[in-house]
C-alpha atoms as a PDB file:
ATOM      1  CA  MET A   1       1.720   6.607  -5.066  1.00  0.00           C
ATOM      2  CA  TYR A   2       5.207   4.167  -4.005  1.00  0.00           C
ATOM      3  CA  GLN A   3       6.523   6.380  -1.482  1.00  0.00           C
ATOM      4  CA  ARG A   4       3.548   6.341   0.434  1.00  0.00           C
ATOM      5  CA  ILE A   5       2.766   3.310   0.595  1.00  0.00           C
ATOM      6  CA  ARG A   6       6.304   2.551   1.577  1.00  0.00           C
ATOM      7  CA  ASP A   7       5.717   5.289   4.571  1.00  0.00           C
ATOM      8  CA  LEU A   8       2.731   3.422   5.300  1.00  0.00           C
ATOM      9  CA  ARG A   9       4.156   0.301   5.882  1.00  0.00           C
ATOM     10  CA  GLU A  10       6.729   2.013   7.878  1.00  0.00           C
ATOM     11  CA  ASP A  11       4.555   3.490  10.128  1.00  0.00           C
ATOM     12  CA  HIS A  12       2.620   0.350  11.046  1.00  0.00           C
ATOM     13  CA  ASP A  13       6.259  -1.255  12.096  1.00  0.00           C
ATOM     14  CA  MET A  14       5.959  -3.710   9.049  1.00  0.00           C
ATOM     15  CA  THR A  15       8.032  -5.217   6.959  1.00  0.00           C
ATOM     16  CA  GLN A  16       8.031  -5.733   3.627  1.00  0.00           C
ATOM     17  CA  LYS A  17       7.747  -9.757   4.513  1.00  0.00           C
ATOM     18  CA  GLN A  18       4.650  -8.696   6.605  1.00  0.00           C
ATOM     19  CA  VAL A  19       2.611  -6.777   4.337  1.00  0.00           C
ATOM     20  CA  ALA A  20       3.984  -9.248   1.055  1.00  0.00           C
ATOM     21  CA  GLN A  21       2.550 -12.485   3.182  1.00  0.00           C
ATOM     22  CA  ILE A  22      -0.550 -11.100   3.880  1.00  0.00           C
ATOM     23  CA  LEU A  23      -1.313  -9.507  -0.047  1.00  0.00           C
ATOM     24  CA  LYS A  24      -0.498 -14.030  -0.775  1.00  0.00           C
ATOM     25  CA  MET A  25       2.433 -12.462  -2.776  1.00  0.00           C
ATOM     26  CA  SER A  26       6.364 -12.608  -2.429  1.00  0.00           C
ATOM     27  CA  GLN A  27       8.638 -10.900  -1.062  1.00  0.00           C
ATOM     28  CA  THR A  28       9.941  -9.374  -3.525  1.00  0.00           C
ATOM     29  CA  GLY A  29       6.781  -8.290  -5.921  1.00  0.00           C
ATOM     30  CA  TYR A  30       5.971  -6.245  -3.374  1.00  0.00           C
ATOM     31  CA  SER A  31       9.064  -4.462  -2.951  1.00  0.00           C
ATOM     32  CA  LYS A  32       9.006  -3.764  -7.128  1.00  0.00           C
ATOM     33  CA  TYR A  33       5.759  -2.135  -5.496  1.00  0.00           C
ATOM     34  CA  GLU A  34       7.268   0.291  -3.625  1.00  0.00           C
ATOM     35  CA  THR A  35      10.311   1.284  -6.340  1.00  0.00           C
ATOM     36  CA  GLY A  36       7.422   1.571  -8.185  1.00  0.00           C
ATOM     37  CA  GLU A  37       9.335  -0.884 -10.744  1.00  0.00           C
ATOM     38  CA  ASN A  38       5.825  -2.168 -11.021  1.00  0.00           C
ATOM     39  CA  ASP A  39       2.474  -0.718 -11.149  1.00  0.00           C
ATOM     40  CA  ILE A  40       0.153  -2.028  -8.352  1.00  0.00           C
ATOM     41  CA  PRO A  41      -2.777  -3.890  -9.504  1.00  0.00           C
ATOM     42  CA  THR A  42      -6.061  -2.421  -8.752  1.00  0.00           C
ATOM     43  CA  ALA A  43      -7.250  -5.155  -5.895  1.00  0.00           C
ATOM     44  CA  ILE A  44      -3.842  -4.995  -4.154  1.00  0.00           C
ATOM     45  CA  LEU A  45      -4.160  -1.160  -3.821  1.00  0.00           C
ATOM     46  CA  ILE A  46      -7.393  -2.089  -2.334  1.00  0.00           C
ATOM     47  CA  GLN A  47      -5.978  -3.976   0.068  1.00  0.00           C
ATOM     48  CA  LEU A  48      -3.549  -1.801   0.476  1.00  0.00           C
ATOM     49  CA  ALA A  49      -6.169   1.000   1.802  1.00  0.00           C
ATOM     50  CA  ARG A  50      -7.862  -1.682   3.802  1.00  0.00           C
ATOM     51  CA  LEU A  51      -4.371  -2.754   5.646  1.00  0.00           C
ATOM     52  CA  TYR A  52      -3.229   0.967   6.873  1.00  0.00           C
ATOM     53  CA  ASN A  53      -7.174   1.524   7.088  1.00  0.00           C
ATOM     54  CA  THR A  54      -6.485   5.036   4.177  1.00  0.00           C
ATOM     55  CA  SER A  55      -8.645   5.457   0.867  1.00  0.00           C
ATOM     56  CA  VAL A  56      -7.108   4.432  -2.610  1.00  0.00           C
ATOM     57  CA  ASP A  57      -7.746   8.224  -3.555  1.00  0.00           C
ATOM     58  CA  TYR A  58      -4.902   8.865  -0.316  1.00  0.00           C
ATOM     59  CA  LEU A  59      -2.971   6.066  -2.188  1.00  0.00           C
ATOM     60  CA  LEU A  60      -2.119   7.140  -5.165  1.00  0.00           C
ATOM     61  CA  GLY A  61      -1.746  11.208  -4.289  1.00  0.00           C
ATOM     62  CA  GLU A  62      -5.023  12.718  -5.454  1.00  0.00           C
ATOM     63  CA  THR A  63      -5.206  13.687  -1.302  1.00  0.00           C
ATOM     64  CA  LYS A  64      -3.362  14.735   0.873  1.00  0.00           C
ATOM     65  CA  ASN A  65      -6.024  13.228   3.279  1.00  0.00           C
ATOM     66  CA  PRO A  66      -5.251   9.563   4.806  1.00  0.00           C
ATOM     67  CA  LYS A  67      -8.630   9.388   6.311  1.00  0.00           C
ATOM     68  CA  ARG A  68     -10.828   6.476   4.776  1.00  0.00           C
ATOM     69  CA  TYR A  69     -14.360   7.250   3.772  1.00  0.00           C
ATOM     70  CA  PRO A  70     -17.521   5.671   4.879  1.00  0.00           C
ATOM     71  CA  LYS A  71     -19.043   3.468   2.583  1.00  0.00           C
END
C-alpha cells in the first residue's frame, strides 16, 4: 500500500509537500504514510483515492485495477 501511494504521487508529478497541503497536514506526517511508519487513517485513504481518482481497494492492494468504481 505504501509504495502505491508514493507511485501515484510521483505519477501525478506531485511532491510530498503538495499532497500534505491538500490533506491539510505536515509534509513529515505525510512522509510517514509513504514509508509505512504510520498507518493511514480511513479518512486520509478516502481523500487520496479521490485525489488520484482511484479506489481505496487499489490503494490497499486489494485489486490491481486502479480505476475508480462508480458510486
